[in-house]
């Protein structure tokens, strides 16, 4: 019998694993029968009150509120606080037994759209060490764009964000499109959680939708895109928000 992990929200019910489809990496069978996920970042009290950046942790749930995975950033303290939201990171995505089923790796890259030779990238492995795809920022000046690629670096889907990604007033939506950009197949939404939470923490909530019959590997790569989008556009320290407010007075 699997030993349950002692994690925040221990009382949350875990999703029961369905039957794994053919050639499914271990742990990705959870994604086979769902077409949406909810990603809830855990509120870190130390970070909320001091501005001291801590490792991010996330609950990943299905539409019924059952936990599918638990994700935890694995980044050194110095890197977190010196590099801020532009930091390289390793993200471990684990199932209810504590087994790491997906590993995300973001190298340190230039964060400006004016350097098309050094754009953002996340490598997605499942199981760890077996690359199944990539999330790559596409060069764009006006709106954020990303490519969802398979292990052979062939573009399977694209993502296009809005011109403005401020979430103070409401949800921010990134559209998931076909490889040629002609068909909308889903979306990634940064969900507004209320003024106090938005201003004083960087704990974010995301919802994502995708086709039910999408390859489980590509579903996992899309999940990796959520974390890259979070770090690029919504991972702000409370002290940065305070500075922005003061600059407008």
C-alpha atoms as a PDB file:
ATOM      1  CA  UNK A   1       0.000   0.000   0.000  1.00  0.00           C
ATOM      2  CA  UNK A   2       1.361   3.422  -0.966  1.00  0.00           C
ATOM      3  CA  UNK A   3       2.432   5.773   1.797  1.00  0.00           C
ATOM      4  CA  UNK A   4       0.657   9.140   1.580  1.00  0.00           C
ATOM      5  CA  UNK A   5       2.851  12.220   1.456  1.00  0.00           C
ATOM      6  CA  UNK A   6       2.587  14.664   4.331  1.00  0.00           C
ATOM      7  CA  UNK A   7       1.920  17.850   2.390  1.00  0.00           C
ATOM      8  CA  UNK A   8      -0.147  21.022   2.721  1.00  0.00           C
ATOM      9  CA  UNK A   9      -3.820  20.232   2.308  1.00  0.00           C
ATOM     10  CA  UNK A  10      -3.348  16.676   3.602  1.00  0.00           C
ATOM     11  CA  UNK A  11      -7.119  16.223   3.825  1.00  0.00           C
ATOM     12  CA  UNK A  12      -7.548  16.733   0.087  1.00  0.00           C
ATOM     13  CA  UNK A  13      -8.788  13.665  -1.752  1.00  0.00           C
ATOM     14  CA  UNK A  14      -6.416  12.254  -4.345  1.00  0.00           C
ATOM     15  CA  UNK A  15      -7.651  11.244  -7.787  1.00  0.00           C
ATOM     16  CA  UNK A  16      -7.632   7.492  -8.334  1.00  0.00           C
ATOM     17  CA  UNK A  17      -5.364   6.507 -11.243  1.00  0.00           C
ATOM     18  CA  UNK A  18      -7.269   5.281 -14.304  1.00  0.00           C
ATOM     19  CA  UNK A  19      -6.082   2.481 -16.538  1.00  0.00           C
ATOM     20  CA  UNK A  20      -2.925   3.547 -18.349  1.00  0.00           C
ATOM     21  CA  UNK A  21      -3.170   3.851 -22.153  1.00  0.00           C
ATOM     22  CA  UNK A  22      -0.597   2.115 -24.348  1.00  0.00           C
ATOM     23  CA  UNK A  23       2.953   3.497 -24.188  1.00  0.00           C
ATOM     24  CA  UNK A  24       2.030   5.892 -21.377  1.00  0.00           C
ATOM     25  CA  UNK A  25       4.939   7.026 -19.162  1.00  0.00           C
ATOM     26  CA  UNK A  26       4.367   5.935 -15.540  1.00  0.00           C
ATOM     27  CA  UNK A  27       2.326   8.530 -13.684  1.00  0.00           C
ATOM     28  CA  UNK A  28       0.838  10.221 -16.759  1.00  0.00           C
ATOM     29  CA  UNK A  29      -2.160   7.890 -16.796  1.00  0.00           C
ATOM     30  CA  UNK A  30      -3.829  10.474 -14.534  1.00  0.00           C
ATOM     31  CA  UNK A  31      -3.970  12.801 -17.544  1.00  0.00           C
ATOM     32  CA  UNK A  32      -5.557  10.301 -19.912  1.00  0.00           C
ATOM     33  CA  UNK A  33      -9.204  10.913 -18.971  1.00  0.00           C
ATOM     34  CA  UNK A  34      -9.263  14.623 -18.160  1.00  0.00           C
ATOM     35  CA  UNK A  35      -9.542  17.744 -20.279  1.00  0.00           C
ATOM     36  CA  UNK A  36      -8.778  20.379 -17.656  1.00  0.00           C
ATOM     37  CA  UNK A  37      -6.548  20.996 -14.650  1.00  0.00           C
ATOM     38  CA  UNK A  38      -6.479  23.530 -11.825  1.00  0.00           C
ATOM     39  CA  UNK A  39      -3.100  24.651 -10.485  1.00  0.00           C
ATOM     40  CA  UNK A  40      -3.115  26.271  -7.033  1.00  0.00           C
ATOM     41  CA  UNK A  41       0.085  27.782  -5.660  1.00  0.00           C
ATOM     42  CA  UNK A  42       0.516  27.372  -1.913  1.00  0.00           C
ATOM     43  CA  UNK A  43       0.589  30.644   0.052  1.00  0.00           C
ATOM     44  CA  UNK A  44       3.941  31.049   1.788  1.00  0.00           C
ATOM     45  CA  UNK A  45       3.519  33.148   4.948  1.00  0.00           C
ATOM     46  CA  UNK A  46       7.241  33.952   5.219  1.00  0.00           C
ATOM     47  CA  UNK A  47       7.231  35.332   1.696  1.00  0.00           C
ATOM     48  CA  UNK A  48       3.956  37.215   2.176  1.00  0.00           C
ATOM     49  CA  UNK A  49       5.166  39.128   5.235  1.00  0.00           C
ATOM     50  CA  UNK A  50       8.882  39.566   4.527  1.00  0.00           C
ATOM     51  CA  UNK A  51       9.241  39.480   0.738  1.00  0.00           C
ATOM     52  CA  UNK A  52      11.849  36.726   1.180  1.00  0.00           C
ATOM     53  CA  UNK A  53      11.385  34.367  -1.794  1.00  0.00           C
ATOM     54  CA  UNK A  54      10.740  30.727  -0.873  1.00  0.00           C
ATOM     55  CA  UNK A  55      10.504  27.634  -3.042  1.00  0.00           C
ATOM     56  CA  UNK A  56       7.135  27.514  -4.787  1.00  0.00           C
ATOM     57  CA  UNK A  57       4.728  24.634  -4.159  1.00  0.00           C
ATOM     58  CA  UNK A  58       1.573  23.826  -6.093  1.00  0.00           C
ATOM     59  CA  UNK A  59      -1.446  21.564  -5.858  1.00  0.00           C
ATOM     60  CA  UNK A  60      -2.645  20.282  -9.230  1.00  0.00           C
ATOM     61  CA  UNK A  61      -6.312  19.210  -9.213  1.00  0.00           C
ATOM     62  CA  UNK A  62      -8.937  17.930 -11.614  1.00  0.00           C
ATOM     63  CA  UNK A  63     -12.319  19.575 -12.197  1.00  0.00           C
ATOM     64  CA  UNK A  64     -13.801  17.666  -9.222  1.00  0.00           C
ATOM     65  CA  UNK A  65     -11.265  19.176  -6.832  1.00  0.00           C
ATOM     66  CA  UNK A  66      -9.328  15.926  -6.445  1.00  0.00           C
ATOM     67  CA  UNK A  67      -5.565  16.286  -6.284  1.00  0.00           C
ATOM     68  CA  UNK A  68      -3.812  14.810  -9.307  1.00  0.00           C
ATOM     69  CA  UNK A  69      -0.237  15.893  -8.536  1.00  0.00           C
ATOM     70  CA  UNK A  70       1.800  17.962  -6.131  1.00  0.00           C
ATOM     71  CA  UNK A  71       4.579  20.153  -7.563  1.00  0.00           C
ATOM     72  CA  UNK A  72       7.567  21.548  -5.692  1.00  0.00           C
ATOM     73  CA  UNK A  73      10.308  23.855  -6.911  1.00  0.00           C
ATOM     74  CA  UNK A  74      13.859  22.724  -6.160  1.00  0.00           C
ATOM     75  CA  UNK A  75      15.996  25.864  -6.340  1.00  0.00           C
ATOM     76  CA  UNK A  76      18.786  27.102  -4.056  1.00  0.00           C
ATOM     77  CA  UNK A  77      18.019  30.009  -1.729  1.00  0.00           C
ATOM     78  CA  UNK A  78      20.666  32.280  -3.244  1.00  0.00           C
ATOM     79  CA  UNK A  79      19.398  31.687  -6.783  1.00  0.00           C
ATOM     80  CA  UNK A  80      15.783  32.384  -5.774  1.00  0.00           C
ATOM     81  CA  UNK A  81      16.519  35.688  -4.124  1.00  0.00           C
ATOM     82  CA  UNK A  82      19.220  36.958  -6.502  1.00  0.00           C
ATOM     83  CA  UNK A  83      17.521  36.056  -9.780  1.00  0.00           C
ATOM     84  CA  UNK A  84      13.900  36.536  -8.696  1.00  0.00           C
ATOM     85  CA  UNK A  85      11.197  35.418 -11.157  1.00  0.00           C
ATOM     86  CA  UNK A  86      13.798  35.144 -13.941  1.00  0.00           C
ATOM     87  CA  UNK A  87      15.606  32.391 -12.040  1.00  0.00           C
ATOM     88  CA  UNK A  88      16.396  28.990 -13.505  1.00  0.00           C
ATOM     89  CA  UNK A  89      14.476  26.256 -11.741  1.00  0.00           C
ATOM     90  CA  UNK A  90      13.884  22.549 -11.433  1.00  0.00           C
ATOM     91  CA  UNK A  91      10.284  21.584 -10.698  1.00  0.00           C
ATOM     92  CA  UNK A  92       9.371  18.136  -9.399  1.00  0.00           C
ATOM     93  CA  UNK A  93       5.814  16.962 -10.081  1.00  0.00           C
ATOM     94  CA  UNK A  94       4.861  14.045  -7.836  1.00  0.00           C
ATOM     95  CA  UNK A  95       1.955  11.627  -7.460  1.00  0.00           C
ATOM     96  CA  UNK A  96       0.262  10.606  -4.206  1.00  0.00           C
ATOM     97  CA  UNK A  97       3.015   8.149  -3.293  1.00  0.00           C
ATOM     98  CA  UNK A  98       5.720  10.816  -3.550  1.00  0.00           C
ATOM     99  CA  UNK A  99       7.061   9.387  -6.802  1.00  0.00           C
ATOM    100  CA  UNK A 100       8.393  12.057  -9.159  1.00  0.00           C
ATOM    101  CA  UNK A 101       6.533  11.486 -12.427  1.00  0.00           C
ATOM    102  CA  UNK A 102       7.389  14.706 -14.300  1.00  0.00           C
ATOM    103  CA  UNK A 103      10.488  16.891 -14.100  1.00  0.00           C
ATOM    104  CA  UNK A 104      10.639  20.450 -15.446  1.00  0.00           C
ATOM    105  CA  UNK A 105      13.949  22.187 -16.065  1.00  0.00           C
ATOM    106  CA  UNK A 106      14.220  25.882 -16.913  1.00  0.00           C
ATOM    107  CA  UNK A 107      17.724  27.141 -17.701  1.00  0.00           C
ATOM    108  CA  UNK A 108      18.802  30.712 -17.036  1.00  0.00           C
ATOM    109  CA  UNK A 109      17.947  32.711 -20.145  1.00  0.00           C
ATOM    110  CA  UNK A 110      17.511  36.344 -21.117  1.00  0.00           C
ATOM    111  CA  UNK A 111      14.037  37.574 -20.175  1.00  0.00           C
ATOM    112  CA  UNK A 112      13.613  40.277 -22.811  1.00  0.00           C
ATOM    113  CA  UNK A 113      11.826  39.880 -26.132  1.00  0.00           C
ATOM    114  CA  UNK A 114      14.594  41.920 -27.788  1.00  0.00           C
ATOM    115  CA  UNK A 115      16.985  38.945 -27.683  1.00  0.00           C
ATOM    116  CA  UNK A 116      15.420  36.354 -30.029  1.00  0.00           C
ATOM    117  CA  UNK A 117      18.514  34.138 -29.807  1.00  0.00           C
ATOM    118  CA  UNK A 118      18.113  33.555 -26.050  1.00  0.00           C
ATOM    119  CA  UNK A 119      14.409  33.086 -25.322  1.00  0.00           C
ATOM    120  CA  UNK A 120      12.799  31.176 -22.468  1.00  0.00           C
ATOM    121  CA  UNK A 121      12.632  27.388 -22.525  1.00  0.00           C
ATOM    122  CA  UNK A 122      11.435  24.553 -20.291  1.00  0.00           C
ATOM    123  CA  UNK A 123      12.458  20.941 -20.824  1.00  0.00           C
ATOM    124  CA  UNK A 124       9.817  18.399 -19.744  1.00  0.00           C
ATOM    125  CA  UNK A 125      10.781  14.841 -18.775  1.00  0.00           C
ATOM    126  CA  UNK A 126       8.532  11.914 -17.820  1.00  0.00           C
ATOM    127  CA  UNK A 127       9.800   9.955 -16.054  1.00  0.00           C
ATOM    128  CA  UNK A 128      12.761  12.141 -15.004  1.00  0.00           C
ATOM    129  CA  UNK A 129      15.568  11.745 -17.506  1.00  0.00           C
ATOM    130  CA  UNK A 130      13.270  10.848 -20.407  1.00  0.00           C
ATOM    131  CA  UNK A 131      12.535  14.032 -22.384  1.00  0.00           C
ATOM    132  CA  UNK A 132       8.981  14.109 -23.759  1.00  0.00           C
ATOM    133  CA  UNK A 133       8.824  17.710 -24.967  1.00  0.00           C
ATOM    134  CA  UNK A 134       9.648  21.373 -24.640  1.00  0.00           C
ATOM    135  CA  UNK A 135       7.963  24.691 -23.977  1.00  0.00           C
ATOM    136  CA  UNK A 136       9.743  27.374 -25.992  1.00  0.00           C
ATOM    137  CA  UNK A 137       9.104  31.089 -26.056  1.00  0.00           C
ATOM    138  CA  UNK A 138       8.591  32.327 -29.608  1.00  0.00           C
ATOM    139  CA  UNK A 139       9.982  35.691 -30.656  1.00  0.00           C
ATOM    140  CA  UNK A 140       7.253  38.317 -30.511  1.00  0.00           C
ATOM    141  CA  UNK A 141       7.167  42.014 -29.667  1.00  0.00           C
ATOM    142  CA  UNK A 142       3.477  42.734 -29.057  1.00  0.00           C
ATOM    143  CA  UNK A 143       2.078  39.598 -27.410  1.00  0.00           C
ATOM    144  CA  UNK A 144       3.704  36.645 -25.595  1.00  0.00           C
ATOM    145  CA  UNK A 145       3.890  33.496 -27.708  1.00  0.00           C
ATOM    146  CA  UNK A 146       5.089  29.975 -26.995  1.00  0.00           C
ATOM    147  CA  UNK A 147       5.568  26.718 -28.878  1.00  0.00           C
ATOM    148  CA  UNK A 148       4.616  23.343 -27.384  1.00  0.00           C
ATOM    149  CA  UNK A 149       6.955  20.774 -28.886  1.00  0.00           C
ATOM    150  CA  UNK A 150       7.341  17.010 -28.691  1.00  0.00           C
ATOM    151  CA  UNK A 151      10.567  15.152 -27.918  1.00  0.00           C
ATOM    152  CA  UNK A 152      11.726  15.595 -31.531  1.00  0.00           C
ATOM    153  CA  UNK A 153      11.259  19.384 -31.144  1.00  0.00           C
ATOM    154  CA  UNK A 154       8.353  19.404 -33.598  1.00  0.00           C
ATOM    155  CA  UNK A 155       5.741  22.054 -32.802  1.00  0.00           C
ATOM    156  CA  UNK A 156       2.429  20.405 -31.835  1.00  0.00           C
ATOM    157  CA  UNK A 157       0.587  23.388 -30.332  1.00  0.00           C
ATOM    158  CA  UNK A 158       1.141  27.109 -29.881  1.00  0.00           C
ATOM    159  CA  UNK A 159       0.153  29.504 -27.098  1.00  0.00           C
ATOM    160  CA  UNK A 160      -0.683  33.173 -27.553  1.00  0.00           C
ATOM    161  CA  UNK A 161      -1.157  35.539 -24.625  1.00  0.00           C
ATOM    162  CA  UNK A 162      -2.764  38.978 -24.323  1.00  0.00           C
ATOM    163  CA  UNK A 163      -1.004  42.305 -24.823  1.00  0.00           C
ATOM    164  CA  UNK A 164      -1.344  43.071 -21.115  1.00  0.00           C
ATOM    165  CA  UNK A 165      -0.904  40.430 -18.425  1.00  0.00           C
ATOM    166  CA  UNK A 166      -1.909  42.456 -15.352  1.00  0.00           C
ATOM    167  CA  UNK A 167      -4.205  40.311 -13.196  1.00  0.00           C
ATOM    168  CA  UNK A 168      -5.335  42.940 -10.680  1.00  0.00           C
ATOM    169  CA  UNK A 169      -8.727  43.412 -12.338  1.00  0.00           C
ATOM    170  CA  UNK A 170      -9.615  39.901 -13.504  1.00  0.00           C
ATOM    171  CA  UNK A 171      -8.585  36.711 -15.264  1.00  0.00           C
ATOM    172  CA  UNK A 172      -5.766  36.725 -17.830  1.00  0.00           C
ATOM    173  CA  UNK A 173      -6.136  34.198 -20.646  1.00  0.00           C
ATOM    174  CA  UNK A 174      -3.493  32.579 -22.843  1.00  0.00           C
ATOM    175  CA  UNK A 175      -5.071  30.819 -25.825  1.00  0.00           C
ATOM    176  CA  UNK A 176      -3.866  27.321 -26.759  1.00  0.00           C
ATOM    177  CA  UNK A 177      -3.892  26.994 -30.548  1.00  0.00           C
ATOM    178  CA  UNK A 178      -3.126  24.371 -33.187  1.00  0.00           C
ATOM    179  CA  UNK A 179       0.427  24.240 -34.553  1.00  0.00           C
ATOM    180  CA  UNK A 180      -0.467  26.606 -37.411  1.00  0.00           C
ATOM    181  CA  UNK A 181      -2.300  28.987 -35.060  1.00  0.00           C
ATOM    182  CA  UNK A 182      -5.577  28.597 -36.963  1.00  0.00           C
ATOM    183  CA  UNK A 183      -7.679  26.653 -34.442  1.00  0.00           C
ATOM    184  CA  UNK A 184      -8.320  27.306 -30.755  1.00  0.00           C
ATOM    185  CA  UNK A 185      -8.072  24.038 -28.795  1.00  0.00           C
ATOM    186  CA  UNK A 186      -7.895  25.245 -25.190  1.00  0.00           C
ATOM    187  CA  UNK A 187      -6.574  27.924 -22.878  1.00  0.00           C
ATOM    188  CA  UNK A 188      -4.478  28.673 -19.819  1.00  0.00           C
ATOM    189  CA  UNK A 189      -6.125  31.194 -17.469  1.00  0.00           C
ATOM    190  CA  UNK A 190      -4.472  33.042 -14.628  1.00  0.00           C
ATOM    191  CA  UNK A 191      -7.414  33.383 -12.244  1.00  0.00           C
ATOM    192  CA  UNK A 192      -7.941  36.522 -10.188  1.00  0.00           C
ATOM    193  CA  UNK A 193      -7.984  35.583  -6.510  1.00  0.00           C
ATOM    194  CA  UNK A 194      -8.950  38.860  -4.867  1.00  0.00           C
ATOM    195  CA  UNK A 195      -7.219  42.185  -4.347  1.00  0.00           C
ATOM    196  CA  UNK A 196      -5.534  41.407  -1.003  1.00  0.00           C
ATOM    197  CA  UNK A 197      -4.032  38.131  -2.189  1.00  0.00           C
ATOM    198  CA  UNK A 198      -2.910  39.604  -5.508  1.00  0.00           C
ATOM    199  CA  UNK A 199      -1.121  42.520  -3.848  1.00  0.00           C
ATOM    200  CA  UNK A 200       0.511  40.845  -0.875  1.00  0.00           C
ATOM    201  CA  UNK A 201       1.491  37.406  -2.159  1.00  0.00           C
ATOM    202  CA  UNK A 202       2.608  35.889  -5.446  1.00  0.00           C
ATOM    203  CA  UNK A 203       0.483  32.773  -4.871  1.00  0.00           C
ATOM    204  CA  UNK A 204      -1.274  32.240  -8.170  1.00  0.00           C
ATOM    205  CA  UNK A 205      -4.159  30.102  -9.380  1.00  0.00           C
ATOM    206  CA  UNK A 206      -4.368  28.800 -12.927  1.00  0.00           C
ATOM    207  CA  UNK A 207      -6.916  26.842 -14.905  1.00  0.00           C
ATOM    208  CA  UNK A 208      -6.093  25.026 -18.114  1.00  0.00           C
ATOM    209  CA  UNK A 209      -8.239  23.254 -20.702  1.00  0.00           C
ATOM    210  CA  UNK A 210      -7.185  21.002 -23.574  1.00  0.00           C
ATOM    211  CA  UNK A 211      -8.685  18.286 -25.808  1.00  0.00           C
ATOM    212  CA  UNK A 212      -9.574  15.063 -24.001  1.00  0.00           C
ATOM    213  CA  UNK A 213      -7.863  12.970 -26.688  1.00  0.00           C
ATOM    214  CA  UNK A 214      -4.624  14.971 -26.658  1.00  0.00           C
ATOM    215  CA  UNK A 215      -1.516  12.807 -26.184  1.00  0.00           C
ATOM    216  CA  UNK A 216      -0.736  12.545 -22.446  1.00  0.00           C
ATOM    217  CA  UNK A 217       2.850  13.588 -23.144  1.00  0.00           C
ATOM    218  CA  UNK A 218       1.679  16.851 -24.712  1.00  0.00           C
ATOM    219  CA  UNK A 219      -0.744  17.399 -21.819  1.00  0.00           C
ATOM    220  CA  UNK A 220       2.247  17.165 -19.475  1.00  0.00           C
ATOM    221  CA  UNK A 221       4.201  19.642 -21.623  1.00  0.00           C
ATOM    222  CA  UNK A 222       1.226  22.034 -21.520  1.00  0.00           C
ATOM    223  CA  UNK A 223       1.308  21.755 -17.731  1.00  0.00           C
ATOM    224  CA  UNK A 224       4.953  22.785 -17.904  1.00  0.00           C
ATOM    225  CA  UNK A 225       3.857  25.887 -19.832  1.00  0.00           C
ATOM    226  CA  UNK A 226       1.711  26.936 -16.856  1.00  0.00           C
ATOM    227  CA  UNK A 227       4.764  27.152 -14.615  1.00  0.00           C
ATOM    228  CA  UNK A 228       6.823  29.065 -17.179  1.00  0.00           C
ATOM    229  CA  UNK A 229       3.969  31.554 -17.696  1.00  0.00           C
ATOM    230  CA  UNK A 230       3.620  31.944 -13.920  1.00  0.00           C
ATOM    231  CA  UNK A 231       7.311  32.754 -13.451  1.00  0.00           C
ATOM    232  CA  UNK A 232       7.517  35.049 -16.476  1.00  0.00           C
ATOM    233  CA  UNK A 233       4.418  37.175 -15.881  1.00  0.00           C
ATOM    234  CA  UNK A 234       2.962  36.698 -12.398  1.00  0.00           C
ATOM    235  CA  UNK A 235       5.782  35.798  -9.996  1.00  0.00           C
ATOM    236  CA  UNK A 236       6.300  39.110  -8.226  1.00  0.00           C
ATOM    237  CA  UNK A 237       7.517  39.771  -4.741  1.00  0.00           C
ATOM    238  CA  UNK A 238       5.344  41.852  -2.438  1.00  0.00           C
ATOM    239  CA  UNK A 239       8.108  44.437  -2.218  1.00  0.00           C
ATOM    240  CA  UNK A 240       8.047  44.855  -6.014  1.00  0.00           C
ATOM    241  CA  UNK A 241       4.286  45.451  -5.935  1.00  0.00           C
ATOM    242  CA  UNK A 242       4.733  48.024  -3.169  1.00  0.00           C
ATOM    243  CA  UNK A 243       7.371  49.795  -5.253  1.00  0.00           C
ATOM    244  CA  UNK A 244       5.049  49.903  -8.274  1.00  0.00           C
ATOM    245  CA  UNK A 245       2.278  51.408  -6.161  1.00  0.00           C
ATOM    246  CA  UNK A 246       4.571  54.039  -4.679  1.00  0.00           C
ATOM    247  CA  UNK A 247       5.840  55.006  -8.137  1.00  0.00           C
ATOM    248  CA  UNK A 248       2.315  55.981  -9.143  1.00  0.00           C
ATOM    249  CA  UNK A 249       1.748  58.264  -6.144  1.00  0.00           C
END
